[in-house]
Every structure is written in C-alpha cells, then in structure tokens.
Amino acid sequence: MTKEDGSDDLMAAYGISKSACGIYAAMSAKKYPSLKSSSITPGYVDTAITAGYSGDKKTPEEGTVSIRKCLFEDLKGNGWFYGSDGLRSPLCASRDPGTPEYDGN
C-alpha cells in the first residue's frame, strides 16, 4: 500500500537503486579487477529521506563507518558489500550490525 504522499513509492525506488549499485560494484570488480569497487550501507540514518519515519536512527556522523572503512582501510576483497558497522555483508540477505562478518559461503 502506498501513502498518499507517494513516500512508499520513493522508498521502493531507493531500495532498487541501492541494489543496482551493489550489483554494479560486484560486476565492475570482475570486469576491472585492478580497480577497487565496493558498495556500502550507512544504515538507518536521520536524514531528510527518513523524515517522518519512526525507529532508532543513527546520526549522520554515525552513518559514516562503512564509507570510512572503504576509503581509508586496505580491503581484503573486491566488489564486496559492507554493512553499516563496516563489516562485509551479503548483498542478497540481511546481516545485522554486531553479528559475524559474512565470509562468502
């Protein structure tokens, strides 16, 4: 069901675009292995896109863990997806922050 203001449609589009970015990063890593390509999620962050939604939101600063890891640390793999806690996560399933890092199996 869609809210009258269309926000559910926008959130669905956001989710699809995030998935496409993750798949593009994985495909780019295979095609161009010398180029590091990763995708991340900041988690549920208190920004304009989440305004009006309830839940335990991170501050924008708290949402930078995964991007800082990908920018400033030596990554072991290429084309991987990183969760909001900066640990490798599966792209096609959920992994909650604080649970073990995804090992690819």
Protein backbone atom coordinates (compact mmCIF):
# COMPACT_ATOMS: atom_id res chain seq x y z
CA MET A 1 0.00 0.00 0.00
CA THR A 2 1.27 3.45 -0.88
CA LYS A 3 0.95 6.51 1.31
CA GLU A 4 -0.98 9.40 -0.22
CA ASP A 5 2.19 11.46 -0.45
CA GLY A 6 3.93 8.75 -2.53
CA SER A 7 6.73 8.25 0.02
CA ASP A 8 6.41 4.45 -0.08
CA ASP A 9 6.99 4.56 -3.84
CA LEU A 10 10.08 6.71 -3.29
CA MET A 11 11.45 4.30 -0.67
CA ALA A 12 10.90 1.35 -3.04
CA ALA A 13 12.80 3.21 -5.76
CA TYR A 14 15.58 3.96 -3.27
CA GLY A 15 15.88 0.27 -2.37
CA ILE A 16 16.02 -0.79 -6.01
CA SER A 17 18.70 1.80 -6.78
CA LYS A 18 20.80 0.63 -3.78
CA SER A 19 20.58 -2.96 -5.06
CA ALA A 20 21.61 -1.85 -8.54
CA CYS A 21 24.66 -0.03 -7.14
CA GLY A 22 25.72 -3.15 -5.22
CA ILE A 23 25.39 -5.35 -8.29
CA TYR A 24 27.24 -2.78 -10.40
CA ALA A 25 30.13 -2.75 -7.89
CA ALA A 26 30.37 -6.56 -7.98
CA MET A 27 30.25 -6.64 -11.80
CA SER A 28 32.84 -3.86 -12.06
CA ALA A 29 35.19 -5.76 -9.74
CA LYS A 30 35.04 -8.79 -12.03
CA LYS A 31 35.46 -6.81 -15.23
CA TYR A 32 38.17 -4.48 -13.89
CA PRO A 33 39.97 -6.40 -11.11
CA SER A 34 42.71 -3.76 -10.73
CA LEU A 35 40.05 -1.18 -9.78
CA LYS A 36 38.70 -1.46 -6.21
CA SER A 37 34.92 -1.36 -6.27
CA SER A 38 32.73 -1.74 -3.17
CA SER A 39 29.25 -0.83 -2.07
CA ILE A 40 28.12 0.20 1.39
CA THR A 41 25.12 0.97 3.50
CA PRO A 42 25.23 3.71 6.10
CA GLY A 43 22.31 2.12 7.95
CA TYR A 44 19.15 3.87 9.08
CA VAL A 45 20.33 7.47 9.36
CA ASP A 46 18.41 10.55 10.47
CA THR A 47 18.33 12.47 7.18
CA ALA A 48 15.68 14.11 5.00
CA ILE A 49 14.92 10.80 3.29
CA THR A 50 13.92 9.19 6.63
CA ALA A 51 11.98 12.20 7.93
CA GLY A 52 8.54 11.13 9.05
CA TYR A 53 9.60 7.53 9.63
CA SER A 54 9.97 6.21 13.17
CA GLY A 55 12.69 3.98 14.54
CA ASP A 56 16.13 4.17 16.07
CA LYS A 57 18.08 6.34 13.63
CA LYS A 58 21.80 6.99 13.60
CA THR A 59 23.24 10.47 13.42
CA PRO A 60 24.78 11.33 10.05
CA GLU A 61 28.21 11.04 11.68
CA GLU A 62 27.40 7.52 12.93
CA GLY A 63 26.41 6.61 9.38
CA THR A 64 29.98 7.09 8.09
CA VAL A 65 31.51 3.86 9.50
CA SER A 66 31.29 1.80 6.30
CA ILE A 67 32.34 4.60 3.95
CA ARG A 68 35.38 5.41 6.12
CA LYS A 69 36.39 1.74 6.05
CA CYS A 70 36.16 1.58 2.26
CA LEU A 71 38.01 4.85 1.78
CA PHE A 72 40.81 4.50 4.32
CA GLU A 73 41.45 0.81 5.03
CA ASP A 74 43.08 -1.88 2.94
CA LEU A 75 40.17 -4.05 1.82
CA LYS A 76 40.76 -7.80 1.51
CA GLY A 77 38.38 -8.30 -1.40
CA ASN A 78 36.91 -6.53 -4.36
CA GLY A 79 33.26 -5.96 -5.28
CA TRP A 80 32.10 -6.62 -1.72
CA PHE A 81 29.20 -5.02 0.15
CA TYR A 82 29.81 -3.52 3.61
CA GLY A 83 27.18 -3.12 6.31
CA SER A 84 26.68 -0.07 8.47
CA ASP A 85 29.17 -1.46 11.02
CA GLY A 86 31.91 -1.62 8.36
CA LEU A 87 31.90 -5.42 8.11
CA ARG A 88 31.42 -7.41 4.92
CA SER A 89 27.76 -8.32 4.46
CA PRO A 90 25.84 -10.39 1.93
CA LEU A 91 24.16 -8.31 -0.75
CA CYS A 92 21.20 -10.67 -1.07
CA ALA A 93 20.38 -11.27 2.61
CA SER A 94 20.30 -9.36 5.87
CA ARG A 95 23.18 -9.24 8.36
CA ASP A 96 22.58 -7.20 11.49
CA PRO A 97 25.37 -4.98 12.90
CA GLY A 98 27.21 -6.82 15.65
CA THR A 99 26.76 -10.25 14.06
CA PRO A 100 29.71 -12.09 12.47
CA GLU A 101 31.13 -10.78 9.24
CA TYR A 102 29.93 -12.53 6.08
CA ASP A 103 32.55 -14.98 4.83
CA GLY A 104 31.18 -15.50 1.33
CA ASN A 105 29.89 -19.00 1.91
